[in-house]
Amino acid sequence: MAGIGGAIGALAGSGGGGVNVATGVPGLTPEQQALADFTLGEQTTRTKDIYSRLGLGGSTMEAQDLGGNQLANMAETAGIENQNAQLQLQQEQLQLASQAQANQQSAAKGSATGSAIGGLGSLFA
């Protein structure tokens, strides 16, 4: 199971942050959701197969393990959603910092132009 969790984590890092297109809220990308669904399906199949081979299909223990699989899957997807939200916030911070830097450079150019024009005015006085 650690290998699958690592695969989900790697996919989370490669997407740059997923956003629900309908709401604009960070969430899972379609690829991340597909992988999470696949992982849960594989875990469910394995769990049912194990209990079937043991002759315990439909038992309370099987139901508890299947519920545990779902909880583990939900925890992983919540972690990925959190990571996506953090990545989106970092991206927004970088954009704001870049915009602030551009504004400072523009203000510095305007100040230099004003000084140059003021210097020309003193030549004609």
Protein backbone atom coordinates (compact mmCIF):
# COMPACT_ATOMS: atom_id res chain seq x y z
CA MET A 1 0.00 0.00 0.00
CA ALA A 2 2.94 2.37 0.57
CA GLY A 3 3.81 2.19 -3.12
CA ILE A 4 0.34 3.28 -4.12
CA GLY A 5 0.36 6.11 -1.57
CA GLY A 6 3.72 7.22 -2.92
CA ALA A 7 2.32 7.21 -6.45
CA ILE A 8 -0.58 9.41 -5.36
CA GLY A 9 1.83 11.75 -3.57
CA ALA A 10 4.05 11.96 -6.64
CA LEU A 11 1.06 12.76 -8.82
CA ALA A 12 0.00 15.46 -6.38
CA GLY A 13 3.39 17.10 -6.68
CA SER A 14 3.39 17.04 -10.46
CA GLY A 15 0.07 18.75 -11.02
CA GLY A 16 0.90 22.17 -9.67
CA GLY A 17 -2.37 22.26 -7.78
CA GLY A 18 -5.81 21.14 -8.83
CA VAL A 19 -8.81 23.42 -8.90
CA ASN A 20 -12.45 22.45 -9.14
CA VAL A 21 -13.45 24.18 -12.36
CA ALA A 22 -17.06 24.68 -11.28
CA THR A 23 -16.26 26.37 -7.95
CA GLY A 24 -12.69 27.59 -8.40
CA VAL A 25 -11.84 25.89 -5.10
CA PRO A 26 -8.63 23.85 -4.85
CA GLY A 27 -9.28 20.14 -5.06
CA LEU A 28 -8.10 17.14 -7.02
CA THR A 29 -7.19 17.32 -10.67
CA PRO A 30 -9.06 14.80 -12.84
CA GLU A 31 -5.87 12.71 -13.01
CA GLN A 32 -5.47 12.71 -9.23
CA GLN A 33 -9.14 11.77 -8.77
CA ALA A 34 -8.82 8.95 -11.29
CA LEU A 35 -5.76 7.60 -9.48
CA ALA A 36 -7.50 7.83 -6.09
CA ASP A 37 -10.53 5.99 -7.49
CA PHE A 38 -8.30 3.34 -9.06
CA THR A 39 -6.38 2.88 -5.81
CA LEU A 40 -9.57 2.43 -3.79
CA GLY A 41 -10.89 -0.04 -6.35
CA GLU A 42 -7.68 -2.07 -6.17
CA GLN A 43 -7.71 -2.08 -2.38
CA THR A 44 -11.37 -3.15 -2.32
CA THR A 45 -10.74 -5.96 -4.82
CA ARG A 46 -7.75 -7.23 -2.83
CA THR A 47 -9.61 -7.11 0.48
CA LYS A 48 -12.64 -8.96 -0.91
CA ASP A 49 -10.37 -11.55 -2.54
CA ILE A 50 -8.51 -12.23 0.69
CA TYR A 51 -11.70 -12.66 2.72
CA SER A 52 -13.26 -14.81 0.00
CA ARG A 53 -10.25 -17.16 0.01
CA LEU A 54 -10.48 -17.40 3.78
CA GLY A 55 -14.19 -18.23 3.55
CA LEU A 56 -15.07 -15.03 5.40
CA GLY A 57 -16.72 -13.09 2.56
CA GLY A 58 -19.46 -10.82 3.87
CA SER A 59 -18.15 -11.01 7.43
CA THR A 60 -18.03 -8.11 9.85
CA MET A 61 -14.23 -8.16 9.66
CA GLU A 62 -14.36 -7.76 5.87
CA ALA A 63 -16.79 -4.85 6.21
CA GLN A 64 -14.49 -3.19 8.74
CA ASP A 65 -11.47 -3.60 6.47
CA LEU A 66 -13.39 -2.20 3.50
CA GLY A 67 -14.42 0.77 5.65
CA GLY A 68 -10.78 1.22 6.66
CA ASN A 69 -9.78 1.22 3.00
CA GLN A 70 -12.27 4.00 2.34
CA LEU A 71 -11.05 6.05 5.30
CA ALA A 72 -7.44 5.67 4.20
CA ASN A 73 -8.38 6.75 0.69
CA MET A 74 -10.27 9.78 2.02
CA ALA A 75 -7.28 10.77 4.17
CA GLU A 76 -4.92 10.54 1.19
CA THR A 77 -7.17 12.62 -1.05
CA ALA A 78 -7.63 15.22 1.71
CA GLY A 79 -3.84 15.45 2.01
CA ILE A 80 -3.51 15.94 -1.75
CA GLU A 81 -6.24 18.59 -1.74
CA ASN A 82 -4.39 20.39 1.06
CA GLN A 83 -1.14 20.20 -0.88
CA ASN A 84 -2.88 21.54 -3.99
CA ALA A 85 -4.32 24.43 -1.99
CA GLN A 86 -0.87 25.27 -0.60
CA LEU A 87 0.64 25.18 -4.09
CA GLN A 88 -2.07 27.51 -5.37
CA LEU A 89 -1.44 29.95 -2.51
CA GLN A 90 2.30 29.90 -3.20
CA GLN A 91 1.65 30.59 -6.87
CA GLU A 92 -0.61 33.53 -5.98
CA GLN A 93 2.03 34.91 -3.59
CA LEU A 94 4.65 34.74 -6.33
CA GLN A 95 2.35 36.56 -8.74
CA LEU A 96 1.69 39.29 -6.16
CA ALA A 97 5.40 39.66 -5.42
CA SER A 98 6.17 39.90 -9.13
CA GLN A 99 3.46 42.51 -9.60
CA ALA A 100 4.75 44.53 -6.63
CA GLN A 101 8.27 44.42 -8.06
CA ALA A 102 7.01 45.62 -11.45
CA ASN A 103 5.14 48.47 -9.74
CA GLN A 104 8.30 49.52 -7.85
CA GLN A 105 10.34 49.50 -11.04
CA SER A 106 7.69 51.59 -12.81
CA ALA A 107 7.61 54.08 -9.93
CA ALA A 108 11.42 54.33 -9.97
CA LYS A 109 11.40 55.03 -13.72
CA GLY A 110 8.72 57.68 -13.24
CA SER A 111 10.75 59.33 -10.49
CA ALA A 112 13.88 59.36 -12.65
CA THR A 113 11.94 60.87 -15.56
CA GLY A 114 10.51 63.55 -13.26
CA SER A 115 13.99 64.44 -12.01
CA ALA A 116 15.31 64.66 -15.56
CA ILE A 117 12.46 66.96 -16.58
CA GLY A 118 13.03 69.09 -13.46
CA GLY A 119 16.71 69.37 -14.39
CA LEU A 120 15.81 70.57 -17.87
CA GLY A 121 13.53 73.20 -16.36
CA SER A 122 16.43 74.65 -14.38
CA LEU A 123 18.45 75.03 -17.58
CA PHE A 124 15.84 77.35 -19.03
CA ALA A 125 15.29 79.40 -15.90
